[in-house]
């Protein structure tokens, strides 16, 4: 579970640097950038962890397919799919939190 926190922290470190250097978002100020890094990491990592818990619960023991291409797709989905969906949900929750609770438009 720590790896999801590290992945989300690295991702939001790069996103925060991009926001600082490009200036495409409105100027957030120091605390806005800190909140982006901290809360973005926490929400996205939380979504990834929930996706991992769902994957452990719902992953089938046997996959029956017609061919190798279908098998590849099924294996790939159960390897990263639920975590990616959880990360997207966490990112959407982060944006809502930043806008509605803290008042920042990221």
PDB file of N, CA and C in Angstrom:
ATOM      1  N   UNK A   1       0.806  -1.192   0.000  1.00  0.00           N
ATOM      2  CA  UNK A   1       0.000   0.000   0.000  1.00  0.00           C
ATOM      3  C   UNK A   1       0.855   1.265   0.000  1.00  0.00           C
ATOM      4  N   UNK A   2       2.086   1.165   0.496  1.00  0.00           N
ATOM      5  CA  UNK A   2       2.964   2.335   0.495  1.00  0.00           C
ATOM      6  C   UNK A   2       3.325   2.773  -0.918  1.00  0.00           C
ATOM      7  N   UNK A   3       3.367   1.805  -1.838  1.00  0.00           N
ATOM      8  CA  UNK A   3       3.763   2.156  -3.196  1.00  0.00           C
ATOM      9  C   UNK A   3       2.759   3.090  -3.850  1.00  0.00           C
ATOM     10  N   UNK A   4       1.474   2.973  -3.499  1.00  0.00           N
ATOM     11  CA  UNK A   4       0.481   3.873  -4.066  1.00  0.00           C
ATOM     12  C   UNK A   4       0.674   5.291  -3.549  1.00  0.00           C
ATOM     13  N   UNK A   5       1.090   5.423  -2.303  1.00  0.00           N
ATOM     14  CA  UNK A   5       1.389   6.744  -1.756  1.00  0.00           C
ATOM     15  C   UNK A   5       2.601   7.355  -2.451  1.00  0.00           C
ATOM     16  N   UNK A   6       3.616   6.548  -2.713  1.00  0.00           N
ATOM     17  CA  UNK A   6       4.813   7.041  -3.405  1.00  0.00           C
ATOM     18  C   UNK A   6       4.482   7.418  -4.848  1.00  0.00           C
ATOM     19  N   UNK A   7       3.702   6.592  -5.531  1.00  0.00           N
ATOM     20  CA  UNK A   7       3.320   6.883  -6.915  1.00  0.00           C
ATOM     21  C   UNK A   7       2.517   8.171  -6.982  1.00  0.00           C
ATOM     22  N   UNK A   8       1.528   8.321  -6.079  1.00  0.00           N
ATOM     23  CA  UNK A   8       0.700   9.531  -6.078  1.00  0.00           C
ATOM     24  C   UNK A   8       1.528  10.763  -5.708  1.00  0.00           C
ATOM     25  N   UNK A   9       2.458  10.620  -4.769  1.00  0.00           N
ATOM     26  CA  UNK A   9       3.308  11.756  -4.384  1.00  0.00           C
ATOM     27  C   UNK A   9       4.185  12.194  -5.551  1.00  0.00           C
ATOM     28  N   UNK A  10       4.769  11.244  -6.263  1.00  0.00           N
ATOM     29  CA  UNK A  10       5.601  11.599  -7.420  1.00  0.00           C
ATOM     30  C   UNK A  10       4.760  12.259  -8.511  1.00  0.00           C
ATOM     31  N   UNK A  11       3.577  11.719  -8.753  1.00  0.00           N
ATOM     32  CA  UNK A  11       2.684  12.289  -9.758  1.00  0.00           C
ATOM     33  C   UNK A  11       2.288  13.714  -9.393  1.00  0.00           C
ATOM     34  N   UNK A  12       1.899  13.951  -8.154  1.00  0.00           N
ATOM     35  CA  UNK A  12       1.480  15.291  -7.773  1.00  0.00           C
ATOM     36  C   UNK A  12       2.646  16.241  -7.574  1.00  0.00           C
ATOM     37  N   UNK A  13       3.826  15.737  -7.329  1.00  0.00           N
ATOM     38  CA  UNK A  13       5.005  16.604  -7.336  1.00  0.00           C
ATOM     39  C   UNK A  13       5.222  17.163  -8.739  1.00  0.00           C
ATOM     40  N   UNK A  14       5.105  16.295  -9.747  1.00  0.00           N
ATOM     41  CA  UNK A  14       5.249  16.750 -11.129  1.00  0.00           C
ATOM     42  C   UNK A  14       4.106  17.676 -11.539  1.00  0.00           C
ATOM     43  N   UNK A  15       2.877  17.387 -11.106  1.00  0.00           N
ATOM     44  CA  UNK A  15       1.744  18.254 -11.423  1.00  0.00           C
ATOM     45  C   UNK A  15       1.928  19.626 -10.780  1.00  0.00           C
ATOM     46  N   UNK A  16       2.392  19.655  -9.530  1.00  0.00           N
ATOM     47  CA  UNK A  16       2.608  20.933  -8.845  1.00  0.00           C
ATOM     48  C   UNK A  16       3.707  21.734  -9.524  1.00  0.00           C
ATOM     49  N   UNK A  17       4.799  21.080  -9.909  1.00  0.00           N
ATOM     50  CA  UNK A  17       5.850  21.791 -10.644  1.00  0.00           C
ATOM     51  C   UNK A  17       5.336  22.331 -11.963  1.00  0.00           C
ATOM     52  N   UNK A  18       4.500  21.568 -12.645  1.00  0.00           N
ATOM     53  CA  UNK A  18       3.915  22.027 -13.897  1.00  0.00           C
ATOM     54  C   UNK A  18       3.023  23.249 -13.663  1.00  0.00           C
ATOM     55  N   UNK A  19       2.234  23.238 -12.602  1.00  0.00           N
ATOM     56  CA  UNK A  19       1.390  24.387 -12.289  1.00  0.00           C
ATOM     57  C   UNK A  19       2.219  25.620 -11.971  1.00  0.00           C
ATOM     58  N   UNK A  20       3.323  25.442 -11.273  1.00  0.00           N
ATOM     59  CA  UNK A  20       4.183  26.576 -10.919  1.00  0.00           C
ATOM     60  C   UNK A  20       4.859  27.152 -12.154  1.00  0.00           C
ATOM     61  N   UNK A  21       5.433  26.297 -12.996  1.00  0.00           N
ATOM     62  CA  UNK A  21       6.228  26.780 -14.114  1.00  0.00           C
ATOM     63  C   UNK A  21       5.406  27.283 -15.289  1.00  0.00           C
ATOM     64  N   UNK A  22       4.306  26.626 -15.586  1.00  0.00           N
ATOM     65  CA  UNK A  22       3.549  27.049 -16.762  1.00  0.00           C
ATOM     66  C   UNK A  22       2.598  28.190 -16.468  1.00  0.00           C
ATOM     67  N   UNK A  23       2.072  28.256 -15.270  1.00  0.00           N
ATOM     68  CA  UNK A  23       1.146  29.318 -14.918  1.00  0.00           C
ATOM     69  C   UNK A  23      -0.188  29.211 -15.636  1.00  0.00           C
ATOM     70  N   UNK A  24      -0.551  28.014 -16.120  1.00  0.00           N
ATOM     71  CA  UNK A  24      -1.823  27.847 -16.833  1.00  0.00           C
ATOM     72  C   UNK A  24      -3.006  28.000 -15.895  1.00  0.00           C
ATOM     73  N   UNK A  25      -2.864  27.567 -14.653  1.00  0.00           N
ATOM     74  CA  UNK A  25      -3.930  27.765 -13.669  1.00  0.00           C
ATOM     75  C   UNK A  25      -3.762  29.161 -13.079  1.00  0.00           C
ATOM     76  N   UNK A  26      -4.814  29.645 -12.450  1.00  0.00           N
ATOM     77  CA  UNK A  26      -4.672  30.931 -11.790  1.00  0.00           C
ATOM     78  C   UNK A  26      -3.599  30.812 -10.725  1.00  0.00           C
ATOM     79  N   UNK A  27      -3.022  31.921 -10.328  1.00  0.00           N
ATOM     80  CA  UNK A  27      -1.968  31.898  -9.323  1.00  0.00           C
ATOM     81  C   UNK A  27      -2.542  31.409  -8.005  1.00  0.00           C
ATOM     82  N   UNK A  28      -2.053  30.294  -7.516  1.00  0.00           N
ATOM     83  CA  UNK A  28      -2.585  29.697  -6.298  1.00  0.00           C
ATOM     84  C   UNK A  28      -1.914  30.227  -5.043  1.00  0.00           C
ATOM     85  N   UNK A  29      -0.718  30.735  -5.159  1.00  0.00           N
ATOM     86  CA  UNK A  29       0.036  31.131  -3.986  1.00  0.00           C
ATOM     87  C   UNK A  29       0.728  29.936  -3.357  1.00  0.00           C
ATOM     88  N   UNK A  30       1.580  30.216  -2.389  1.00  0.00           N
ATOM     89  CA  UNK A  30       2.367  29.164  -1.759  1.00  0.00           C
ATOM     90  C   UNK A  30       1.484  28.076  -1.148  1.00  0.00           C
ATOM     91  N   UNK A  31       0.480  28.480  -0.354  1.00  0.00           N
ATOM     92  CA  UNK A  31      -0.360  27.493   0.324  1.00  0.00           C
ATOM     93  C   UNK A  31      -1.244  26.727  -0.643  1.00  0.00           C
ATOM     94  N   UNK A  32      -1.625  27.339  -1.731  1.00  0.00           N
ATOM     95  CA  UNK A  32      -2.399  26.618  -2.745  1.00  0.00           C
ATOM     96  C   UNK A  32      -1.590  25.501  -3.373  1.00  0.00           C
ATOM     97  N   UNK A  33      -0.309  25.784  -3.645  1.00  0.00           N
ATOM     98  CA  UNK A  33       0.551  24.746  -4.205  1.00  0.00           C
ATOM     99  C   UNK A  33       0.838  23.645  -3.183  1.00  0.00           C
ATOM    100  N   UNK A  34       1.021  24.022  -1.927  1.00  0.00           N
ATOM    101  CA  UNK A  34       1.233  23.022  -0.878  1.00  0.00           C
ATOM    102  C   UNK A  34      -0.009  22.146  -0.722  1.00  0.00           C
ATOM    103  N   UNK A  35      -1.188  22.771  -0.730  1.00  0.00           N
ATOM    104  CA  UNK A  35      -2.441  22.004  -0.631  1.00  0.00           C
ATOM    105  C   UNK A  35      -2.619  21.086  -1.832  1.00  0.00           C
ATOM    106  N   UNK A  36      -2.228  21.560  -3.018  1.00  0.00           N
ATOM    107  CA  UNK A  36      -2.303  20.715  -4.205  1.00  0.00           C
ATOM    108  C   UNK A  36      -1.438  19.477  -4.036  1.00  0.00           C
ATOM    109  N   UNK A  37      -0.228  19.665  -3.565  1.00  0.00           N
ATOM    110  CA  UNK A  37       0.681  18.536  -3.387  1.00  0.00           C
ATOM    111  C   UNK A  37       0.180  17.576  -2.305  1.00  0.00           C
ATOM    112  N   UNK A  38      -0.207  18.104  -1.157  1.00  0.00           N
ATOM    113  CA  UNK A  38      -0.584  17.253  -0.023  1.00  0.00           C
ATOM    114  C   UNK A  38      -1.923  16.561  -0.262  1.00  0.00           C
ATOM    115  N   UNK A  39      -2.963  17.341  -0.551  1.00  0.00           N
ATOM    116  CA  UNK A  39      -4.291  16.754  -0.688  1.00  0.00           C
ATOM    117  C   UNK A  39      -4.424  15.944  -1.971  1.00  0.00           C
ATOM    118  N   UNK A  40      -3.760  16.365  -3.029  1.00  0.00           N
ATOM    119  CA  UNK A  40      -3.780  15.566  -4.250  1.00  0.00           C
ATOM    120  C   UNK A  40      -3.160  14.206  -4.029  1.00  0.00           C
ATOM    121  N   UNK A  41      -2.051  14.179  -3.298  1.00  0.00           N
ATOM    122  CA  UNK A  41      -1.402  12.912  -2.976  1.00  0.00           C
ATOM    123  C   UNK A  41      -2.312  12.035  -2.123  1.00  0.00           C
ATOM    124  N   UNK A  42      -2.910  12.616  -1.095  1.00  0.00           N
ATOM    125  CA  UNK A  42      -3.745  11.823  -0.190  1.00  0.00           C
ATOM    126  C   UNK A  42      -4.998  11.292  -0.875  1.00  0.00           C
ATOM    127  N   UNK A  43      -5.696  12.135  -1.621  1.00  0.00           N
ATOM    128  CA  UNK A  43      -6.928  11.693  -2.271  1.00  0.00           C
ATOM    129  C   UNK A  43      -6.646  10.650  -3.352  1.00  0.00           C
ATOM    130  N   UNK A  44      -5.624  10.893  -4.170  1.00  0.00           N
ATOM    131  CA  UNK A  44      -5.321   9.956  -5.248  1.00  0.00           C
ATOM    132  C   UNK A  44      -4.797   8.631  -4.707  1.00  0.00           C
ATOM    133  N   UNK A  45      -3.927   8.685  -3.714  1.00  0.00           N
ATOM    134  CA  UNK A  45      -3.432   7.446  -3.106  1.00  0.00           C
ATOM    135  C   UNK A  45      -4.569   6.689  -2.424  1.00  0.00           C
ATOM    136  N   UNK A  46      -5.486   7.406  -1.786  1.00  0.00           N
ATOM    137  CA  UNK A  46      -6.640   6.751  -1.173  1.00  0.00           C
ATOM    138  C   UNK A  46      -7.505   6.054  -2.204  1.00  0.00           C
ATOM    139  N   UNK A  47      -7.701   6.698  -3.349  1.00  0.00           N
ATOM    140  CA  UNK A  47      -8.459   6.068  -4.428  1.00  0.00           C
ATOM    141  C   UNK A  47      -7.763   4.834  -4.963  1.00  0.00           C
ATOM    142  N   UNK A  48      -6.449   4.907  -5.091  1.00  0.00           N
ATOM    143  CA  UNK A  48      -5.691   3.739  -5.554  1.00  0.00           C
ATOM    144  C   UNK A  48      -5.796   2.590  -4.547  1.00  0.00           C
ATOM    145  N   UNK A  49      -5.740   2.908  -3.272  1.00  0.00           N
ATOM    146  CA  UNK A  49      -5.834   1.867  -2.247  1.00  0.00           C
ATOM    147  C   UNK A  49      -7.221   1.225  -2.236  1.00  0.00           C
ATOM    148  N   UNK A  50      -8.253   2.034  -2.408  1.00  0.00           N
ATOM    149  CA  UNK A  50      -9.599   1.470  -2.499  1.00  0.00           C
ATOM    150  C   UNK A  50      -9.740   0.588  -3.735  1.00  0.00           C
ATOM    151  N   UNK A  51      -9.123   1.009  -4.845  1.00  0.00           N
ATOM    152  CA  UNK A  51      -9.128   0.180  -6.046  1.00  0.00           C
ATOM    153  C   UNK A  51      -8.408  -1.137  -5.833  1.00  0.00           C
ATOM    154  N   UNK A  52      -7.322  -1.105  -5.098  1.00  0.00           N
ATOM    155  CA  UNK A  52      -6.582  -2.337  -4.794  1.00  0.00           C
ATOM    156  C   UNK A  52      -7.406  -3.268  -3.902  1.00  0.00           C
ATOM    157  N   UNK A  53      -8.102  -2.696  -2.927  1.00  0.00           N
ATOM    158  CA  UNK A  53      -8.966  -3.523  -2.088  1.00  0.00           C
ATOM    159  C   UNK A  53     -10.089  -4.148  -2.900  1.00  0.00           C
ATOM    160  N   UNK A  54     -10.662  -3.384  -3.820  1.00  0.00           N
ATOM    161  CA  UNK A  54     -11.702  -3.937  -4.684  1.00  0.00           C
ATOM    162  C   UNK A  54     -11.126  -5.037  -5.579  1.00  0.00           C
ATOM    163  N   UNK A  55      -9.904  -4.820  -6.112  1.00  0.00           N
ATOM    164  CA  UNK A  55      -9.289  -5.833  -6.973  1.00  0.00           C
ATOM    165  C   UNK A  55      -9.067  -7.132  -6.206  1.00  0.00           C
ATOM    166  N   UNK A  56      -8.589  -7.032  -4.981  1.00  0.00           N
ATOM    167  CA  UNK A  56      -8.367  -8.235  -4.179  1.00  0.00           C
ATOM    168  C   UNK A  56      -9.673  -8.970  -3.888  1.00  0.00           C
ATOM    169  N   UNK A  57     -10.754  -8.214  -3.704  1.00  0.00           N
ATOM    170  CA  UNK A  57     -12.043  -8.818  -3.414  1.00  0.00           C
ATOM    171  C   UNK A  57     -12.680  -9.443  -4.649  1.00  0.00           C
ATOM    172  N   UNK A  58     -12.605  -8.749  -5.786  1.00  0.00           N
ATOM    173  CA  UNK A  58     -13.399  -9.149  -6.951  1.00  0.00           C
ATOM    174  C   UNK A  58     -12.619  -9.880  -8.041  1.00  0.00           C
ATOM    175  N   UNK A  59     -11.305  -9.992  -7.933  1.00  0.00           N
ATOM    176  CA  UNK A  59     -10.529 -10.638  -8.990  1.00  0.00           C
ATOM    177  C   UNK A  59     -10.927 -12.108  -9.107  1.00  0.00           C
ATOM    178  N   UNK A  60     -11.253 -12.531 -10.319  1.00  0.00           N
ATOM    179  CA  UNK A  60     -11.662 -13.930 -10.488  1.00  0.00           C
ATOM    180  C   UNK A  60     -10.465 -14.879 -10.353  1.00  0.00           C
ATOM    181  N   UNK A  61     -10.748 -16.089  -9.892  1.00  0.00           N
ATOM    182  CA  UNK A  61      -9.707 -17.099  -9.772  1.00  0.00           C
ATOM    183  C   UNK A  61      -9.370 -17.708 -11.127  1.00  0.00           C
ATOM    184  N   UNK A  62     -10.353 -17.814 -11.990  1.00  0.00           N
ATOM    185  CA  UNK A  62     -10.169 -18.409 -13.310  1.00  0.00           C
ATOM    186  C   UNK A  62     -10.710 -17.443 -14.353  1.00  0.00           C
ATOM    187  N   UNK A  63      -9.926 -17.243 -15.421  1.00  0.00           N
ATOM    188  CA  UNK A  63     -10.360 -16.402 -16.537  1.00  0.00           C
ATOM    189  C   UNK A  63     -10.508 -17.307 -17.758  1.00  0.00           C
ATOM    190  N   UNK A  64     -11.719 -17.363 -18.313  1.00  0.00           N
ATOM    191  CA  UNK A  64     -11.987 -18.169 -19.495  1.00  0.00           C
ATOM    192  C   UNK A  64     -12.106 -17.219 -20.681  1.00  0.00           C
ATOM    193  N   UNK A  65     -11.246 -17.423 -21.700  1.00  0.00           N
ATOM    194  CA  UNK A  65     -11.212 -16.525 -22.856  1.00  0.00           C
ATOM    195  C   UNK A  65     -11.169 -17.343 -24.140  1.00  0.00           C
ATOM    196  N   UNK A  66     -11.350 -16.643 -25.276  1.00  0.00           N
ATOM    197  CA  UNK A  66     -11.307 -17.299 -26.584  1.00  0.00           C
ATOM    198  C   UNK A  66      -9.909 -17.356 -27.177  1.00  0.00           C
ATOM    199  N   UNK A  67      -9.074 -16.386 -26.847  1.00  0.00           N
ATOM    200  CA  UNK A  67      -7.758 -16.354 -27.453  1.00  0.00           C
ATOM    201  C   UNK A  67      -6.772 -15.579 -26.597  1.00  0.00           C
ATOM    202  N   UNK A  68      -5.558 -15.465 -27.102  1.00  0.00           N
ATOM    203  CA  UNK A  68      -4.502 -14.822 -26.337  1.00  0.00           C
ATOM    204  C   UNK A  68      -4.713 -13.308 -26.217  1.00  0.00           C
ATOM    205  N   UNK A  69      -5.315 -12.695 -27.223  1.00  0.00           N
ATOM    206  CA  UNK A  69      -5.553 -11.258 -27.163  1.00  0.00           C
ATOM    207  C   UNK A  69      -6.564 -10.928 -26.063  1.00  0.00           C
ATOM    208  N   UNK A  70      -7.591 -11.704 -25.962  1.00  0.00           N
ATOM    209  CA  UNK A  70      -8.588 -11.509 -24.910  1.00  0.00           C
ATOM    210  C   UNK A  70      -7.977 -11.783 -23.530  1.00  0.00           C
ATOM    211  N   UNK A  71      -7.128 -12.791 -23.445  1.00  0.00           N
ATOM    212  CA  UNK A  71      -6.453 -13.099 -22.191  1.00  0.00           C
ATOM    213  C   UNK A  71      -5.554 -11.947 -21.765  1.00  0.00           C
ATOM    214  N   UNK A  72      -4.826 -11.366 -22.730  1.00  0.00           N
ATOM    215  CA  UNK A  72      -3.954 -10.229 -22.438  1.00  0.00           C
ATOM    216  C   UNK A  72      -4.767  -9.060 -21.888  1.00  0.00           C
ATOM    217  N   UNK A  73      -5.904  -8.775 -22.512  1.00  0.00           N
ATOM    218  CA  UNK A  73      -6.754  -7.676 -22.055  1.00  0.00           C
ATOM    219  C   UNK A  73      -7.297  -7.907 -20.651  1.00  0.00           C
ATOM    220  N   UNK A  74      -7.724  -9.125 -20.383  1.00  0.00           N
ATOM    221  CA  UNK A  74      -8.246  -9.453 -19.057  1.00  0.00           C
ATOM    222  C   UNK A  74      -7.151  -9.360 -17.988  1.00  0.00           C
ATOM    223  N   UNK A  75      -5.993  -9.909 -18.282  1.00  0.00           N
ATOM    224  CA  UNK A  75      -4.878  -9.857 -17.328  1.00  0.00           C
ATOM    225  C   UNK A  75      -4.451  -8.417 -17.062  1.00  0.00           C
ATOM    226  N   UNK A  76      -4.374  -7.621 -18.123  1.00  0.00           N
ATOM    227  CA  UNK A  76      -3.976  -6.220 -17.970  1.00  0.00           C
ATOM    228  C   UNK A  76      -4.997  -5.456 -17.140  1.00  0.00           C
ATOM    229  N   UNK A  77      -6.282  -5.691 -17.400  1.00  0.00           N
ATOM    230  CA  UNK A  77      -7.300  -5.009 -16.613  1.00  0.00           C
ATOM    231  C   UNK A  77      -7.189  -5.361 -15.140  1.00  0.00           C
ATOM    232  N   UNK A  78      -7.072  -6.640 -14.814  1.00  0.00           N
ATOM    233  CA  UNK A  78      -7.036  -7.024 -13.408  1.00  0.00           C
ATOM    234  C   UNK A  78      -5.703  -6.687 -12.750  1.00  0.00           C
ATOM    235  N   UNK A  79      -4.692  -6.353 -13.547  1.00  0.00           N
ATOM    236  CA  UNK A  79      -3.415  -5.920 -12.988  1.00  0.00           C
ATOM    237  C   UNK A  79      -3.463  -4.457 -12.566  1.00  0.00           C
ATOM    238  N   UNK A  80      -4.011  -3.558 -13.416  1.00  0.00           N
ATOM    239  CA  UNK A  80      -3.965  -2.126 -13.135  1.00  0.00           C
ATOM    240  C   UNK A  80      -5.308  -1.412 -13.228  1.00  0.00           C
ATOM    241  N   UNK A  81      -6.338  -2.053 -13.721  1.00  0.00           N
ATOM    242  CA  UNK A  81      -7.609  -1.386 -13.969  1.00  0.00           C
ATOM    243  C   UNK A  81      -8.283  -0.800 -12.744  1.00  0.00           C
ATOM    244  N   UNK A  82      -8.550  -1.592 -11.712  1.00  0.00           N
ATOM    245  CA  UNK A  82      -9.236  -1.034 -10.545  1.00  0.00           C
ATOM    246  C   UNK A  82      -8.449   0.084  -9.851  1.00  0.00           C
ATOM    247  N   UNK A  83      -7.117  -0.035  -9.822  1.00  0.00           N
ATOM    248  CA  UNK A  83      -6.318   1.014  -9.212  1.00  0.00           C
ATOM    249  C   UNK A  83      -6.381   2.302 -10.027  1.00  0.00           C
ATOM    250  N   UNK A  84      -6.369   2.176 -11.354  1.00  0.00           N
ATOM    251  CA  UNK A  84      -6.458   3.361 -12.212  1.00  0.00           C
ATOM    252  C   UNK A  84      -7.818   4.039 -12.076  1.00  0.00           C
ATOM    253  N   UNK A  85      -8.878   3.248 -11.994  1.00  0.00           N
ATOM    254  CA  UNK A  85     -10.211   3.812 -11.804  1.00  0.00           C
ATOM    255  C   UNK A  85     -10.292   4.492 -10.432  1.00  0.00           C
ATOM    256  N   UNK A  86      -9.712   3.885  -9.418  1.00  0.00           N
ATOM    257  CA  UNK A  86      -9.677   4.496  -8.089  1.00  0.00           C
ATOM    258  C   UNK A  86      -8.869   5.779  -8.067  1.00  0.00           C
ATOM    259  N   UNK A  87      -7.755   5.800  -8.806  1.00  0.00           N
ATOM    260  CA  UNK A  87      -6.947   7.023  -8.885  1.00  0.00           C
ATOM    261  C   UNK A  87      -7.717   8.148  -9.558  1.00  0.00           C
ATOM    262  N   UNK A  88      -8.463   7.828 -10.612  1.00  0.00           N
ATOM    263  CA  UNK A  88      -9.282   8.837 -11.278  1.00  0.00           C
ATOM    264  C   UNK A  88     -10.365   9.362 -10.340  1.00  0.00           C
ATOM    265  N   UNK A  89     -11.011   8.471  -9.603  1.00  0.00           N
ATOM    266  CA  UNK A  89     -12.006   8.899  -8.621  1.00  0.00           C
ATOM    267  C   UNK A  89     -11.400   9.762  -7.528  1.00  0.00           C
ATOM    268  N   UNK A  90     -10.204   9.404  -7.064  1.00  0.00           N
ATOM    269  CA  UNK A  90      -9.512  10.206  -6.062  1.00  0.00           C
ATOM    270  C   UNK A  90      -9.117  11.570  -6.590  1.00  0.00           C
ATOM    271  N   UNK A  91      -8.712  11.633  -7.858  1.00  0.00           N
ATOM    272  CA  UNK A  91      -8.352  12.910  -8.464  1.00  0.00           C
ATOM    273  C   UNK A  91      -9.575  13.810  -8.592  1.00  0.00           C
ATOM    274  N   UNK A  92     -10.711  13.244  -8.983  1.00  0.00           N
ATOM    275  CA  UNK A  92     -11.946  14.020  -9.084  1.00  0.00           C
ATOM    276  C   UNK A  92     -12.367  14.512  -7.700  1.00  0.00           C
ATOM    277  N   UNK A  93     -12.247  13.666  -6.684  1.00  0.00           N
ATOM    278  CA  UNK A  93     -12.568  14.079  -5.316  1.00  0.00           C
ATOM    279  C   UNK A  93     -11.625  15.182  -4.849  1.00  0.00           C
ATOM    280  N   UNK A  94     -10.341  15.098  -5.214  1.00  0.00           N
ATOM    281  CA  UNK A  94      -9.370  16.138  -4.873  1.00  0.00           C
ATOM    282  C   UNK A  94      -9.760  17.468  -5.489  1.00  0.00           C
ATOM    283  N   UNK A  95     -10.146  17.449  -6.761  1.00  0.00           N
ATOM    284  CA  UNK A  95     -10.536  18.704  -7.408  1.00  0.00           C
ATOM    285  C   UNK A  95     -11.774  19.304  -6.755  1.00  0.00           C
ATOM    286  N   UNK A  96     -12.741  18.471  -6.407  1.00  0.00           N
ATOM    287  CA  UNK A  96     -13.923  18.962  -5.708  1.00  0.00           C
ATOM    288  C   UNK A  96     -13.590  19.528  -4.342  1.00  0.00           C
ATOM    289  N   UNK A  97     -12.687  18.876  -3.624  1.00  0.00           N
ATOM    290  CA  UNK A  97     -12.264  19.354  -2.310  1.00  0.00           C
ATOM    291  C   UNK A  97     -11.561  20.698  -2.426  1.00  0.00           C
ATOM    292  N   UNK A  98     -10.660  20.814  -3.395  1.00  0.00           N
ATOM    293  CA  UNK A  98      -9.929  22.071  -3.564  1.00  0.00           C
ATOM    294  C   UNK A  98     -10.870  23.215  -3.939  1.00  0.00           C
ATOM    295  N   UNK A  99     -11.837  22.944  -4.785  1.00  0.00           N
ATOM    296  CA  UNK A  99     -12.752  23.994  -5.238  1.00  0.00           C
ATOM    297  C   UNK A  99     -13.796  24.331  -4.189  1.00  0.00           C
ATOM    298  N   UNK A 100     -14.478  23.326  -3.648  1.00  0.00           N
ATOM    299  CA  UNK A 100     -15.638  23.575  -2.783  1.00  0.00           C
ATOM    300  C   UNK A 100     -15.280  23.812  -1.329  1.00  0.00           C
ATOM    301  N   UNK A 101     -14.205  23.215  -0.847  1.00  0.00           N
ATOM    302  CA  UNK A 101     -13.847  23.372   0.569  1.00  0.00           C
ATOM    303  C   UNK A 101     -12.791  24.445   0.761  1.00  0.00           C
ATOM    304  N   UNK A 102     -11.724  24.388  -0.042  1.00  0.00           N
ATOM    305  CA  UNK A 102     -10.632  25.337   0.139  1.00  0.00           C
ATOM    306  C   UNK A 102     -10.748  26.577  -0.743  1.00  0.00           C
ATOM    307  N   UNK A 103     -11.549  26.521  -1.807  1.00  0.00           N
ATOM    308  CA  UNK A 103     -11.762  27.687  -2.649  1.00  0.00           C
ATOM    309  C   UNK A 103     -10.712  27.914  -3.717  1.00  0.00           C
ATOM    310  N   UNK A 104      -9.885  26.928  -4.014  1.00  0.00           N
ATOM    311  CA  UNK A 104      -8.882  27.048  -5.068  1.00  0.00           C
ATOM    312  C   UNK A 104      -9.403  26.418  -6.345  1.00  0.00           C
ATOM    313  N   UNK A 105      -9.129  27.050  -7.474  1.00  0.00           N
ATOM    314  CA  UNK A 105      -9.472  26.471  -8.765  1.00  0.00           C
ATOM    315  C   UNK A 105      -8.202  25.912  -9.380  1.00  0.00           C
ATOM    316  N   UNK A 106      -8.058  24.604  -9.359  1.00  0.00           N
ATOM    317  CA  UNK A 106      -6.855  23.966  -9.900  1.00  0.00           C
ATOM    318  C   UNK A 106      -7.138  23.492 -11.307  1.00  0.00           C
TER     319      UNK A 106
END
